[in-house]
Full PDB file with SEQRES, HELIX, SHEET, SSBOND, CRYST1, ORIGX, SCALE, CONECT and MASTER records, all heavy atoms in Angstrom:
SEQRES   1 A   32  VAL LEU LYS ASP GLY LEU LEU GLN GLN VAL ASP THR PRO          
SEQRES   2 A   32  LEU GLY LEU TYR ASP HIS PRO ALA ASN LEU PHE VAL ALA          
SEQRES   3 A   32  GLY PHE ILE GLY SER PRO                                      
HELIX    1 AA1 PRO A   13  ASP A   18  1                                   6    
HELIX    2 AA2 LEU A   23  PHE A   28  1                                   6    
SHEET    1 AA1 2 LEU A   2  LYS A   3  0                                        
SHEET    2 AA1 2 LEU A   6  LEU A   7 -1                                        
CRYST1    1.000    1.000    1.000  90.00  90.00  90.00 P 1           1          
ORIGX1      1.000000  0.000000  0.000000        0.00000                         
ORIGX2      0.000000  1.000000  0.000000        0.00000                         
ORIGX3      0.000000  0.000000  1.000000        0.00000                         
SCALE1      1.000000  0.000000  0.000000        0.00000                         
SCALE2      0.000000  1.000000  0.000000        0.00000                         
SCALE3      0.000000  0.000000  1.000000        0.00000                         
ATOM      1  N   VAL A   1       0.855  -1.194   0.000  1.00  0.00           N  
ATOM      2  CA  VAL A   1       0.000   0.000   0.000  1.00  0.00           C  
ATOM      3  C   VAL A   1       0.890   1.242   0.000  1.00  0.00           C  
ATOM      4  O   VAL A   1       1.772   1.392   0.855  1.00  0.00           O  
ATOM      5  CB  VAL A   1      -0.928   0.020   1.233  1.00  0.00           C  
ATOM      6  CG1 VAL A   1      -1.872   1.229   1.172  1.00  0.00           C  
ATOM      7  CG2 VAL A   1      -1.736  -1.276   1.331  1.00  0.00           C  
ATOM      8  N   LEU A   2       0.638   2.127  -0.963  1.00  0.00           N  
ATOM      9  CA  LEU A   2       1.426   3.361  -1.086  1.00  0.00           C  
ATOM     10  C   LEU A   2       0.530   4.582  -0.893  1.00  0.00           C  
ATOM     11  O   LEU A   2      -0.657   4.560  -1.231  1.00  0.00           O  
ATOM     12  CB  LEU A   2       2.059   3.441  -2.481  1.00  0.00           C  
ATOM     13  CG  LEU A   2       3.141   2.413  -2.800  1.00  0.00           C  
ATOM     14  CD1 LEU A   2       3.335   2.303  -4.303  1.00  0.00           C  
ATOM     15  CD2 LEU A   2       4.458   2.790  -2.152  1.00  0.00           C  
ATOM     16  N   LYS A   3       1.122   5.645  -0.364  1.00  0.00           N  
ATOM     17  CA  LYS A   3       0.417   6.926  -0.244  1.00  0.00           C  
ATOM     18  C   LYS A   3       1.457   8.038  -0.347  1.00  0.00           C  
ATOM     19  O   LYS A   3       2.477   7.989   0.350  1.00  0.00           O  
ATOM     20  CB  LYS A   3      -0.307   7.002   1.103  1.00  0.00           C  
ATOM     21  CG  LYS A   3      -1.033   8.324   1.331  1.00  0.00           C  
ATOM     22  CD  LYS A   3      -1.478   8.456   2.777  1.00  0.00           C  
ATOM     23  CE  LYS A   3      -2.145   9.803   2.991  1.00  0.00           C  
ATOM     24  NZ  LYS A   3      -1.806  10.372   4.284  1.00  0.00           N  
ATOM     25  N   ASP A   4       1.198   9.000  -1.214  1.00  0.00           N  
ATOM     26  CA  ASP A   4       2.115  10.144  -1.388  1.00  0.00           C  
ATOM     27  C   ASP A   4       3.565   9.697  -1.593  1.00  0.00           C  
ATOM     28  O   ASP A   4       4.498  10.291  -1.037  1.00  0.00           O  
ATOM     29  CB  ASP A   4       2.047  11.084  -0.167  1.00  0.00           C  
ATOM     30  CG  ASP A   4       0.654  11.659   0.031  1.00  0.00           C  
ATOM     31  OD1 ASP A   4      -0.079  11.757  -0.968  1.00  0.00           O  
ATOM     32  OD2 ASP A   4       0.301  11.996   1.172  1.00  0.00           O  
ATOM     33  N   GLY A   5       3.755   8.630  -2.374  1.00  0.00           N  
ATOM     34  CA  GLY A   5       5.109   8.174  -2.676  1.00  0.00           C  
ATOM     35  C   GLY A   5       5.779   7.373  -1.583  1.00  0.00           C  
ATOM     36  O   GLY A   5       6.917   6.937  -1.734  1.00  0.00           O  
ATOM     37  N   LEU A   6       5.091   7.181  -0.468  1.00  0.00           N  
ATOM     38  CA  LEU A   6       5.686   6.459   0.667  1.00  0.00           C  
ATOM     39  C   LEU A   6       5.002   5.122   0.873  1.00  0.00           C  
ATOM     40  O   LEU A   6       3.762   5.020   0.835  1.00  0.00           O  
ATOM     41  CB  LEU A   6       5.551   7.286   1.955  1.00  0.00           C  
ATOM     42  CG  LEU A   6       6.367   8.576   2.011  1.00  0.00           C  
ATOM     43  CD1 LEU A   6       5.888   9.460   3.147  1.00  0.00           C  
ATOM     44  CD2 LEU A   6       7.857   8.265   2.179  1.00  0.00           C  
ATOM     45  N   LEU A   7       5.813   4.103   1.127  1.00  0.00           N  
ATOM     46  CA  LEU A   7       5.265   2.785   1.420  1.00  0.00           C  
ATOM     47  C   LEU A   7       4.622   2.812   2.811  1.00  0.00           C  
ATOM     48  O   LEU A   7       5.250   3.222   3.783  1.00  0.00           O  
ATOM     49  CB  LEU A   7       6.401   1.760   1.359  1.00  0.00           C  
ATOM     50  CG  LEU A   7       5.995   0.298   1.481  1.00  0.00           C  
ATOM     51  CD1 LEU A   7       6.960  -0.542   0.663  1.00  0.00           C  
ATOM     52  CD2 LEU A   7       6.030  -0.181   2.907  1.00  0.00           C  
ATOM     53  N   GLN A   8       3.366   2.381   2.894  1.00  0.00           N  
ATOM     54  CA  GLN A   8       2.653   2.388   4.173  1.00  0.00           C  
ATOM     55  C   GLN A   8       2.723   1.029   4.870  1.00  0.00           C  
ATOM     56  O   GLN A   8       2.926   0.938   6.067  1.00  0.00           O  
ATOM     57  CB  GLN A   8       1.174   2.742   3.954  1.00  0.00           C  
ATOM     58  CG  GLN A   8       0.956   4.089   3.284  1.00  0.00           C  
ATOM     59  CD  GLN A   8       1.382   5.252   4.163  1.00  0.00           C  
ATOM     60  OE1 GLN A   8       0.998   5.341   5.319  1.00  0.00           O  
ATOM     61  NE2 GLN A   8       2.193   6.139   3.619  1.00  0.00           N  
ATOM     62  N   GLN A   9       2.527  -0.037   4.090  1.00  0.00           N  
ATOM     63  CA  GLN A   9       2.545  -1.385   4.667  1.00  0.00           C  
ATOM     64  C   GLN A   9       2.595  -2.416   3.543  1.00  0.00           C  
ATOM     65  O   GLN A   9       2.028  -2.198   2.473  1.00  0.00           O  
ATOM     66  CB  GLN A   9       1.266  -1.599   5.506  1.00  0.00           C  
ATOM     67  CG  GLN A   9       1.275  -2.880   6.332  1.00  0.00           C  
ATOM     68  CD  GLN A   9       0.045  -2.995   7.243  1.00  0.00           C  
ATOM     69  OE1 GLN A   9      -0.803  -2.107   7.279  1.00  0.00           O  
ATOM     70  NE2 GLN A   9      -0.058  -4.080   7.981  1.00  0.00           N  
ATOM     71  N   VAL A  10       3.289  -3.524   3.797  1.00  0.00           N  
ATOM     72  CA  VAL A  10       3.304  -4.655   2.859  1.00  0.00           C  
ATOM     73  C   VAL A  10       2.902  -5.888   3.647  1.00  0.00           C  
ATOM     74  O   VAL A  10       3.471  -6.155   4.709  1.00  0.00           O  
ATOM     75  CB  VAL A  10       4.713  -4.929   2.283  1.00  0.00           C  
ATOM     76  CG1 VAL A  10       4.653  -6.015   1.208  1.00  0.00           C  
ATOM     77  CG2 VAL A  10       5.321  -3.683   1.714  1.00  0.00           C  
ATOM     78  N   ASP A  11       1.919  -6.612   3.149  1.00  0.00           N  
ATOM     79  CA  ASP A  11       1.477  -7.812   3.869  1.00  0.00           C  
ATOM     80  C   ASP A  11       0.596  -8.641   2.943  1.00  0.00           C  
ATOM     81  O   ASP A  11       0.284  -8.225   1.819  1.00  0.00           O  
ATOM     82  CB  ASP A  11       0.691  -7.410   5.134  1.00  0.00           C  
ATOM     83  CG  ASP A  11       0.777  -8.476   6.243  1.00  0.00           C  
ATOM     84  OD1 ASP A  11       1.007  -9.662   5.900  1.00  0.00           O  
ATOM     85  OD2 ASP A  11       0.603  -8.136   7.413  1.00  0.00           O  
ATOM     86  N   THR A  12       0.174  -9.808   3.433  1.00  0.00           N  
ATOM     87  CA  THR A  12      -0.823 -10.586   2.701  1.00  0.00           C  
ATOM     88  C   THR A  12      -2.133  -9.798   2.740  1.00  0.00           C  
ATOM     89  O   THR A  12      -2.320  -8.937   3.619  1.00  0.00           O  
ATOM     90  CB  THR A  12      -1.048 -11.945   3.379  1.00  0.00           C  
ATOM     91  OG1 THR A  12      -1.536 -11.695   4.717  1.00  0.00           O  
ATOM     92  CG2 THR A  12       0.220 -12.760   3.434  1.00  0.00           C  
ATOM     93  N   PRO A  13      -3.072 -10.077   1.811  1.00  0.00           N  
ATOM     94  CA  PRO A  13      -4.351  -9.351   1.857  1.00  0.00           C  
ATOM     95  C   PRO A  13      -5.035  -9.438   3.224  1.00  0.00           C  
ATOM     96  O   PRO A  13      -5.494  -8.424   3.759  1.00  0.00           O  
ATOM     97  CB  PRO A  13      -5.176 -10.047   0.767  1.00  0.00           C  
ATOM     98  CG  PRO A  13      -4.151 -10.520  -0.217  1.00  0.00           C  
ATOM     99  CD  PRO A  13      -2.974 -10.940   0.615  1.00  0.00           C  
ATOM    100  N   LEU A  14      -5.059 -10.628   3.819  1.00  0.00           N  
ATOM    101  CA  LEU A  14      -5.713 -10.757   5.123  1.00  0.00           C  
ATOM    102  C   LEU A  14      -4.929 -10.084   6.230  1.00  0.00           C  
ATOM    103  O   LEU A  14      -5.499  -9.567   7.190  1.00  0.00           O  
ATOM    104  CB  LEU A  14      -5.948 -12.237   5.474  1.00  0.00           C  
ATOM    105  CG  LEU A  14      -7.207 -12.847   4.853  1.00  0.00           C  
ATOM    106  CD1 LEU A  14      -7.337 -14.311   5.254  1.00  0.00           C  
ATOM    107  CD2 LEU A  14      -8.469 -12.085   5.244  1.00  0.00           C  
ATOM    108  N   GLY A  15      -3.594 -10.073   6.099  1.00  0.00           N  
ATOM    109  CA  GLY A  15      -2.762  -9.369   7.073  1.00  0.00           C  
ATOM    110  C   GLY A  15      -3.091  -7.884   7.104  1.00  0.00           C  
ATOM    111  O   GLY A  15      -3.203  -7.267   8.168  1.00  0.00           O  
ATOM    112  N   LEU A  16      -3.269  -7.290   5.902  1.00  0.00           N  
ATOM    113  CA  LEU A  16      -3.632  -5.874   5.832  1.00  0.00           C  
ATOM    114  C   LEU A  16      -5.022  -5.639   6.417  1.00  0.00           C  
ATOM    115  O   LEU A  16      -5.260  -4.637   7.091  1.00  0.00           O  
ATOM    116  CB  LEU A  16      -3.637  -5.389   4.373  1.00  0.00           C  
ATOM    117  CG  LEU A  16      -2.310  -5.283   3.649  1.00  0.00           C  
ATOM    118  CD1 LEU A  16      -2.545  -4.878   2.198  1.00  0.00           C  
ATOM    119  CD2 LEU A  16      -1.395  -4.269   4.302  1.00  0.00           C  
ATOM    120  N   TYR A  17      -5.917  -6.562   6.139  1.00  0.00           N  
ATOM    121  CA  TYR A  17      -7.310  -6.409   6.588  1.00  0.00           C  
ATOM    122  C   TYR A  17      -7.404  -6.525   8.111  1.00  0.00           C  
ATOM    123  O   TYR A  17      -8.096  -5.744   8.763  1.00  0.00           O  
ATOM    124  CB  TYR A  17      -8.161  -7.496   5.926  1.00  0.00           C  
ATOM    125  CG  TYR A  17      -9.660  -7.298   6.075  1.00  0.00           C  
ATOM    126  CD1 TYR A  17     -10.355  -6.465   5.206  1.00  0.00           C  
ATOM    127  CD2 TYR A  17     -10.373  -7.968   7.063  1.00  0.00           C  
ATOM    128  CE1 TYR A  17     -11.724  -6.282   5.334  1.00  0.00           C  
ATOM    129  CE2 TYR A  17     -11.747  -7.791   7.202  1.00  0.00           C  
ATOM    130  CZ  TYR A  17     -12.419  -6.951   6.325  1.00  0.00           C  
ATOM    131  OH  TYR A  17     -13.780  -6.775   6.455  1.00  0.00           O  
ATOM    132  N   ASP A  18      -6.673  -7.496   8.660  1.00  0.00           N  
ATOM    133  CA  ASP A  18      -6.781  -7.761  10.105  1.00  0.00           C  
ATOM    134  C   ASP A  18      -5.850  -6.905  10.951  1.00  0.00           C  
ATOM    135  O   ASP A  18      -6.108  -6.687  12.134  1.00  0.00           O  
ATOM    136  CB  ASP A  18      -6.462  -9.241  10.392  1.00  0.00           C  
ATOM    137  CG  ASP A  18      -7.539 -10.167   9.847  1.00  0.00           C  
ATOM    138  OD1 ASP A  18      -8.678  -9.696   9.664  1.00  0.00           O  
ATOM    139  OD2 ASP A  18      -7.235 -11.350   9.595  1.00  0.00           O  
ATOM    140  N   HIS A  19      -4.727  -6.451  10.369  1.00  0.00           N  
ATOM    141  CA  HIS A  19      -3.730  -5.715  11.165  1.00  0.00           C  
ATOM    142  C   HIS A  19      -3.232  -4.469  10.430  1.00  0.00           C  
ATOM    143  O   HIS A  19      -2.035  -4.336  10.180  1.00  0.00           O  
ATOM    144  CB  HIS A  19      -2.517  -6.613  11.457  1.00  0.00           C  
ATOM    145  CG  HIS A  19      -2.870  -7.894  12.140  1.00  0.00           C  
ATOM    146  ND1 HIS A  19      -3.266  -7.953  13.446  1.00  0.00           N  
ATOM    147  CD2 HIS A  19      -2.898  -9.170  11.681  1.00  0.00           C  
ATOM    148  CE1 HIS A  19      -3.524  -9.216  13.764  1.00  0.00           C  
ATOM    149  NE2 HIS A  19      -3.313  -9.964  12.705  1.00  0.00           N  
ATOM    150  N   PRO A  20      -4.119  -3.547  10.057  1.00  0.00           N  
ATOM    151  CA  PRO A  20      -3.618  -2.346   9.373  1.00  0.00           C  
ATOM    152  C   PRO A  20      -2.642  -1.577  10.267  1.00  0.00           C  
ATOM    153  O   PRO A  20      -2.891  -1.415  11.465  1.00  0.00           O  
ATOM    154  CB  PRO A  20      -4.890  -1.527   9.099  1.00  0.00           C  
ATOM    155  CG  PRO A  20      -5.918  -2.060  10.039  1.00  0.00           C  
ATOM    156  CD  PRO A  20      -5.574  -3.484  10.302  1.00  0.00           C  
ATOM    157  N   ALA A  21      -1.542  -1.128   9.689  1.00  0.00           N  
ATOM    158  CA  ALA A  21      -0.480  -0.493  10.481  1.00  0.00           C  
ATOM    159  C   ALA A  21      -0.810   0.938  10.863  1.00  0.00           C  
ATOM    160  O   ALA A  21      -0.240   1.481  11.800  1.00  0.00           O  
ATOM    161  CB  ALA A  21       0.825  -0.513   9.690  1.00  0.00           C  
ATOM    162  N   ASN A  22      -1.707   1.569  10.101  1.00  0.00           N  
ATOM    163  CA  ASN A  22      -2.039   2.965  10.411  1.00  0.00           C  
ATOM    164  C   ASN A  22      -3.439   3.303   9.904  1.00  0.00           C  
ATOM    165  O   ASN A  22      -4.097   2.478   9.256  1.00  0.00           O  
ATOM    166  CB  ASN A  22      -0.981   3.918   9.835  1.00  0.00           C  
ATOM    167  CG  ASN A  22      -0.813   3.749   8.334  1.00  0.00           C  
ATOM    168  OD1 ASN A  22      -1.783   3.545   7.609  1.00  0.00           O  
ATOM    169  ND2 ASN A  22       0.420   3.832   7.851  1.00  0.00           N  
ATOM    170  N   LEU A  23      -3.866   4.518  10.210  1.00  0.00           N  
ATOM    171  CA  LEU A  23      -5.220   4.953   9.848  1.00  0.00           C  
ATOM    172  C   LEU A  23      -5.462   4.912   8.346  1.00  0.00           C  
ATOM    173  O   LEU A  23      -6.549   4.562   7.897  1.00  0.00           O  
ATOM    174  CB  LEU A  23      -5.445   6.395  10.339  1.00  0.00           C  
ATOM    175  CG  LEU A  23      -6.015   6.557  11.739  1.00  0.00           C  
ATOM    176  CD1 LEU A  23      -6.003   8.031  12.138  1.00  0.00           C  
ATOM    177  CD2 LEU A  23      -7.438   6.007  11.821  1.00  0.00           C  
ATOM    178  N   PHE A  24      -4.441   5.262   7.553  1.00  0.00           N  
ATOM    179  CA  PHE A  24      -4.629   5.286   6.107  1.00  0.00           C  
ATOM    180  C   PHE A  24      -4.942   3.884   5.580  1.00  0.00           C  
ATOM    181  O   PHE A  24      -5.906   3.683   4.830  1.00  0.00           O  
ATOM    182  CB  PHE A  24      -3.402   5.849   5.386  1.00  0.00           C  
ATOM    183  CG  PHE A  24      -3.552   5.772   3.895  1.00  0.00           C  
ATOM    184  CD1 PHE A  24      -4.371   6.671   3.232  1.00  0.00           C  
ATOM    185  CD2 PHE A  24      -2.925   4.770   3.163  1.00  0.00           C  
ATOM    186  CE1 PHE A  24      -4.566   6.567   1.851  1.00  0.00           C  
ATOM    187  CE2 PHE A  24      -3.108   4.668   1.790  1.00  0.00           C  
ATOM    188  CZ  PHE A  24      -3.926   5.575   1.135  1.00  0.00           C  
ATOM    189  N   VAL A  25      -4.129   2.901   5.978  1.00  0.00           N  
ATOM    190  CA  VAL A  25      -4.345   1.525   5.506  1.00  0.00           C  
ATOM    191  C   VAL A  25      -5.697   1.011   6.007  1.00  0.00           C  
ATOM    192  O   VAL A  25      -6.454   0.356   5.280  1.00  0.00           O  
ATOM    193  CB  VAL A  25      -3.198   0.590   5.959  1.00  0.00           C  
ATOM    194  CG1 VAL A  25      -3.457  -0.847   5.530  1.00  0.00           C  
ATOM    195  CG2 VAL A  25      -1.865   1.073   5.399  1.00  0.00           C  
ATOM    196  N   ALA A  26      -6.031   1.329   7.262  1.00  0.00           N  
ATOM    197  CA  ALA A  26      -7.309   0.895   7.842  1.00  0.00           C  
ATOM    198  C   ALA A  26      -8.482   1.395   7.018  1.00  0.00           C  
ATOM    199  O   ALA A  26      -9.431   0.660   6.733  1.00  0.00           O  
ATOM    200  CB  ALA A  26      -7.423   1.401   9.276  1.00  0.00           C  
ATOM    201  N   GLY A  27      -8.420   2.658   6.587  1.00  0.00           N  
ATOM    202  CA  GLY A  27      -9.525   3.239   5.839  1.00  0.00           C  
ATOM    203  C   GLY A  27      -9.531   2.858   4.377  1.00  0.00           C  
ATOM    204  O   GLY A  27     -10.562   2.909   3.712  1.00  0.00           O  
ATOM    205  N   PHE A  28      -8.357   2.433   3.854  1.00  0.00           N  
ATOM    206  CA  PHE A  28      -8.253   2.154   2.418  1.00  0.00           C  
ATOM    207  C   PHE A  28      -8.608   0.709   2.079  1.00  0.00           C  
ATOM    208  O   PHE A  28      -9.198   0.437   1.036  1.00  0.00           O  
ATOM    209  CB  PHE A  28      -6.832   2.474   1.930  1.00  0.00           C  
ATOM    210  CG  PHE A  28      -6.704   2.457   0.438  1.00  0.00           C  
ATOM    211  CD1 PHE A  28      -7.161   3.523  -0.319  1.00  0.00           C  
ATOM    212  CD2 PHE A  28      -6.145   1.367  -0.220  1.00  0.00           C  
ATOM    213  CE1 PHE A  28      -7.072   3.507  -1.704  1.00  0.00           C  
ATOM    214  CE2 PHE A  28      -6.049   1.338  -1.602  1.00  0.00           C  
ATOM    215  CZ  PHE A  28      -6.512   2.417  -2.344  1.00  0.00           C  
ATOM    216  N   ILE A  29      -8.215  -0.208   2.952  1.00  0.00           N  
ATOM    217  CA  ILE A  29      -8.409  -1.632   2.649  1.00  0.00           C  
ATOM    218  C   ILE A  29      -9.724  -2.114   3.263  1.00  0.00           C  
ATOM    219  O   ILE A  29      -9.959  -1.965   4.457  1.00  0.00           O  
ATOM    220  CB  ILE A  29      -7.230  -2.476   3.199  1.00  0.00           C  
ATOM    221  CG1 ILE A  29      -5.921  -2.094   2.494  1.00  0.00           C  
ATOM    222  CG2 ILE A  29      -7.501  -3.973   3.074  1.00  0.00           C  
ATOM    223  CD1 ILE A  29      -5.811  -2.465   1.035  1.00  0.00           C  
ATOM    224  N   GLY A  30     -10.565  -2.715   2.437  1.00  0.00           N  
ATOM    225  CA  GLY A  30     -11.853  -3.220   2.913  1.00  0.00           C  
ATOM    226  C   GLY A  30     -12.990  -2.520   2.196  1.00  0.00           C  
ATOM    227  O   GLY A  30     -12.935  -1.327   1.929  1.00  0.00           O  
ATOM    228  N   SER A  31     -14.018  -3.281   1.834  1.00  0.00           N  
ATOM    229  CA  SER A  31     -15.182  -2.711   1.160  1.00  0.00           C  
ATOM    230  C   SER A  31     -16.444  -3.367   1.694  1.00  0.00           C  
ATOM    231  O   SER A  31     -16.589  -4.567   1.539  1.00  0.00           O  
ATOM    232  CB  SER A  31     -15.062  -2.945  -0.353  1.00  0.00           C  
ATOM    233  OG  SER A  31     -16.162  -2.431  -1.029  1.00  0.00           O  
ATOM    234  N   PRO A  32     -17.355  -2.620   2.334  1.00  0.00           N  
ATOM    235  CA  PRO A  32     -17.260  -1.211   2.710  1.00  0.00           C  
ATOM    236  C   PRO A  32     -16.063  -0.979   3.639  1.00  0.00           C  
ATOM    237  O   PRO A  32     -15.580  -1.909   4.277  1.00  0.00           O  
ATOM    238  CB  PRO A  32     -18.570  -0.946   3.471  1.00  0.00           C  
ATOM    239  CG  PRO A  32     -19.464  -2.092   3.174  1.00  0.00           C  
ATOM    240  CD  PRO A  32     -18.577  -3.247   2.856  1.00  0.00           C  
TER     241      PRO A  32                                                      
MASTER        0    0    0    2    2    0    0    6  240    1    0    3          
END                                                                             
């Protein structure tokens, strides 16, 4: 996951979904 040219987090899809590292990843990954 990238934002403004900076890497935010790298993980498996479920890793990102279950353990977002910050607010940006938390709000970006998942639908709704």
